[in-house]
C-alpha atoms as a PDB file:
ATOM      1  CA  UNK A   1      -8.203 -22.878  14.849  1.00  0.00           C
ATOM      2  CA  UNK A   2      -7.504 -25.825  12.486  1.00  0.00           C
ATOM      3  CA  UNK A   3     -10.666 -28.240  12.292  1.00  0.00           C
ATOM      4  CA  UNK A   4     -10.319 -32.094  11.694  1.00  0.00           C
ATOM      5  CA  UNK A   5     -13.666 -33.392  10.618  1.00  0.00           C
ATOM      6  CA  UNK A   6     -13.769 -37.223  10.012  1.00  0.00           C
ATOM      7  CA  UNK A   7     -16.982 -39.212   8.913  1.00  0.00           C
ATOM      8  CA  UNK A   8     -16.741 -43.351   8.778  1.00  0.00           C
ATOM      9  CA  UNK A   9     -19.859 -44.986   7.864  1.00  0.00           C
ATOM     10  CA  UNK A  10     -20.147 -48.532   9.664  1.00  0.00           C
ATOM     11  CA  UNK A  11     -22.286 -51.690   9.782  1.00  0.00           C
ATOM     12  CA  UNK A  12     -21.295 -52.665  13.432  1.00  0.00           C
ATOM     13  CA  UNK A  13     -23.887 -53.239  16.052  1.00  0.00           C
ATOM     14  CA  UNK A  14     -24.285 -50.328  18.507  1.00  0.00           C
ATOM     15  CA  UNK A  15     -22.050 -52.072  21.338  1.00  0.00           C
ATOM     16  CA  UNK A  16     -19.341 -52.752  18.676  1.00  0.00           C
ATOM     17  CA  UNK A  17     -19.432 -49.020  17.516  1.00  0.00           C
ATOM     18  CA  UNK A  18     -19.191 -48.026  21.007  1.00  0.00           C
ATOM     19  CA  UNK A  19     -16.266 -50.056  21.603  1.00  0.00           C
ATOM     20  CA  UNK A  20     -14.764 -49.047  18.253  1.00  0.00           C
ATOM     21  CA  UNK A  21     -14.910 -45.294  19.390  1.00  0.00           C
ATOM     22  CA  UNK A  22     -13.785 -46.320  22.775  1.00  0.00           C
ATOM     23  CA  UNK A  23     -10.492 -48.078  21.532  1.00  0.00           C
ATOM     24  CA  UNK A  24      -9.436 -45.058  18.941  1.00  0.00           C
ATOM     25  CA  UNK A  25     -10.121 -42.615  22.289  1.00  0.00           C
ATOM     26  CA  UNK A  26      -7.730 -44.600  24.332  1.00  0.00           C
ATOM     27  CA  UNK A  27      -5.421 -44.570  21.344  1.00  0.00           C
ATOM     28  CA  UNK A  28      -5.467 -40.695  21.256  1.00  0.00           C
ATOM     29  CA  UNK A  29      -5.090 -40.903  24.808  1.00  0.00           C
ATOM     30  CA  UNK A  30      -2.063 -42.631  24.978  1.00  0.00           C
ATOM     31  CA  UNK A  31      -0.357 -41.025  22.189  1.00  0.00           C
ATOM     32  CA  UNK A  32      -1.337 -37.484  22.701  1.00  0.00           C
ATOM     33  CA  UNK A  33      -2.370 -37.362  26.489  1.00  0.00           C
ATOM     34  CA  UNK A  34      -5.722 -36.736  25.457  1.00  0.00           C
ATOM     35  CA  UNK A  35      -8.676 -36.904  28.450  1.00  0.00           C
ATOM     36  CA  UNK A  36     -11.945 -37.992  27.623  1.00  0.00           C
ATOM     37  CA  UNK A  37     -15.472 -38.954  28.848  1.00  0.00           C
ATOM     38  CA  UNK A  38     -18.840 -40.261  27.714  1.00  0.00           C
ATOM     39  CA  UNK A  39     -22.251 -38.807  27.777  1.00  0.00           C
ATOM     40  CA  UNK A  40     -24.471 -41.095  26.243  1.00  0.00           C
ATOM     41  CA  UNK A  41     -23.382 -41.941  22.652  1.00  0.00           C
ATOM     42  CA  UNK A  42     -21.031 -38.895  22.571  1.00  0.00           C
ATOM     43  CA  UNK A  43     -17.374 -38.988  23.549  1.00  0.00           C
ATOM     44  CA  UNK A  44     -16.009 -35.711  24.218  1.00  0.00           C
ATOM     45  CA  UNK A  45     -12.139 -35.299  24.499  1.00  0.00           C
ATOM     46  CA  UNK A  46      -9.740 -32.701  25.333  1.00  0.00           C
ATOM     47  CA  UNK A  47      -6.022 -31.567  26.767  1.00  0.00           C
ATOM     48  CA  UNK A  48      -4.592 -28.370  26.273  1.00  0.00           C
ATOM     49  CA  UNK A  49      -4.556 -26.785  22.895  1.00  0.00           C
ATOM     50  CA  UNK A  50      -6.891 -29.212  21.511  1.00  0.00           C
ATOM     51  CA  UNK A  51     -10.632 -30.822  22.028  1.00  0.00           C
ATOM     52  CA  UNK A  52     -13.298 -32.517  20.305  1.00  0.00           C
ATOM     53  CA  UNK A  53     -15.891 -35.134  20.037  1.00  0.00           C
ATOM     54  CA  UNK A  54     -16.828 -38.392  18.539  1.00  0.00           C
ATOM     55  CA  UNK A  55     -20.404 -39.292  18.078  1.00  0.00           C
ATOM     56  CA  UNK A  56     -21.450 -42.859  17.340  1.00  0.00           C
ATOM     57  CA  UNK A  57     -24.705 -42.911  15.285  1.00  0.00           C
ATOM     58  CA  UNK A  58     -26.369 -46.198  13.903  1.00  0.00           C
ATOM     59  CA  UNK A  59     -24.338 -46.066  10.934  1.00  0.00           C
ATOM     60  CA  UNK A  60     -21.662 -43.408  11.232  1.00  0.00           C
ATOM     61  CA  UNK A  61     -19.055 -42.299  13.426  1.00  0.00           C
ATOM     62  CA  UNK A  62     -17.919 -38.824  13.141  1.00  0.00           C
ATOM     63  CA  UNK A  63     -14.920 -37.275  14.841  1.00  0.00           C
ATOM     64  CA  UNK A  64     -14.621 -33.455  15.088  1.00  0.00           C
ATOM     65  CA  UNK A  65     -11.559 -32.114  16.750  1.00  0.00           C
ATOM     66  CA  UNK A  66     -10.432 -28.558  16.746  1.00  0.00           C
ATOM     67  CA  UNK A  67      -6.486 -27.774  17.259  1.00  0.00           C
ATOM     68  CA  UNK A  68      -4.941 -24.821  18.856  1.00  0.00           C
ATOM     69  CA  UNK A  69      -1.715 -22.992  17.664  1.00  0.00           C
ATOM     70  CA  UNK A  70       0.836 -25.434  19.041  1.00  0.00           C
ATOM     71  CA  UNK A  71      -1.096 -28.722  17.393  1.00  0.00           C
ATOM     72  CA  UNK A  72      -1.590 -27.060  14.016  1.00  0.00           C
ATOM     73  CA  UNK A  73       1.867 -28.668  13.077  1.00  0.00           C
ATOM     74  CA  UNK A  74       0.788 -31.919  14.007  1.00  0.00           C
ATOM     75  CA  UNK A  75      -2.826 -31.797  12.181  1.00  0.00           C
ATOM     76  CA  UNK A  76      -1.650 -34.127   9.521  1.00  0.00           C
ATOM     77  CA  UNK A  77      -0.073 -37.012  12.032  1.00  0.00           C
ATOM     78  CA  UNK A  78      -3.479 -36.823  14.121  1.00  0.00           C
ATOM     79  CA  UNK A  79      -5.573 -37.156  11.350  1.00  0.00           C
ATOM     80  CA  UNK A  80      -3.850 -40.024   9.879  1.00  0.00           C
ATOM     81  CA  UNK A  81      -3.346 -41.418  13.358  1.00  0.00           C
ATOM     82  CA  UNK A  82      -7.626 -41.024  13.336  1.00  0.00           C
ATOM     83  CA  UNK A  83      -8.141 -42.425   9.620  1.00  0.00           C
ATOM     84  CA  UNK A  84      -5.605 -45.251  10.010  1.00  0.00           C
ATOM     85  CA  UNK A  85      -7.202 -46.193  13.652  1.00  0.00           C
ATOM     86  CA  UNK A  86     -10.891 -46.188  12.186  1.00  0.00           C
ATOM     87  CA  UNK A  87      -9.898 -48.201   9.326  1.00  0.00           C
ATOM     88  CA  UNK A  88      -8.516 -51.023  11.226  1.00  0.00           C
ATOM     89  CA  UNK A  89     -11.121 -51.034  13.905  1.00  0.00           C
ATOM     90  CA  UNK A  90     -14.145 -50.987  11.402  1.00  0.00           C
ATOM     91  CA  UNK A  91     -12.557 -53.569   8.965  1.00  0.00           C
ATOM     92  CA  UNK A  92     -11.774 -55.769  12.203  1.00  0.00           C
ATOM     93  CA  UNK A  93     -15.482 -55.340  12.987  1.00  0.00           C
ATOM     94  CA  UNK A  94     -16.897 -56.551   9.171  1.00  0.00           C
END
């Protein structure tokens, strides 16, 4: 199993950090057909061949995703998408 593990520091208030995480989840859902749901401050997502969670903490957003065999070739693209999306959203929130 291949793992994507990304942590970003932020200075957003809690509501804006949650909104940022929601925007990222929507983007992943649209681009990679990922289903997601919230449980407190943790967003879990999955689809056939991929699963993970995104946790919103007071100063961190942490994304951990496990990719199955079929998604391994797309790891770089998925990782780049997450980095790019978080960078853009966190920059807007400053």
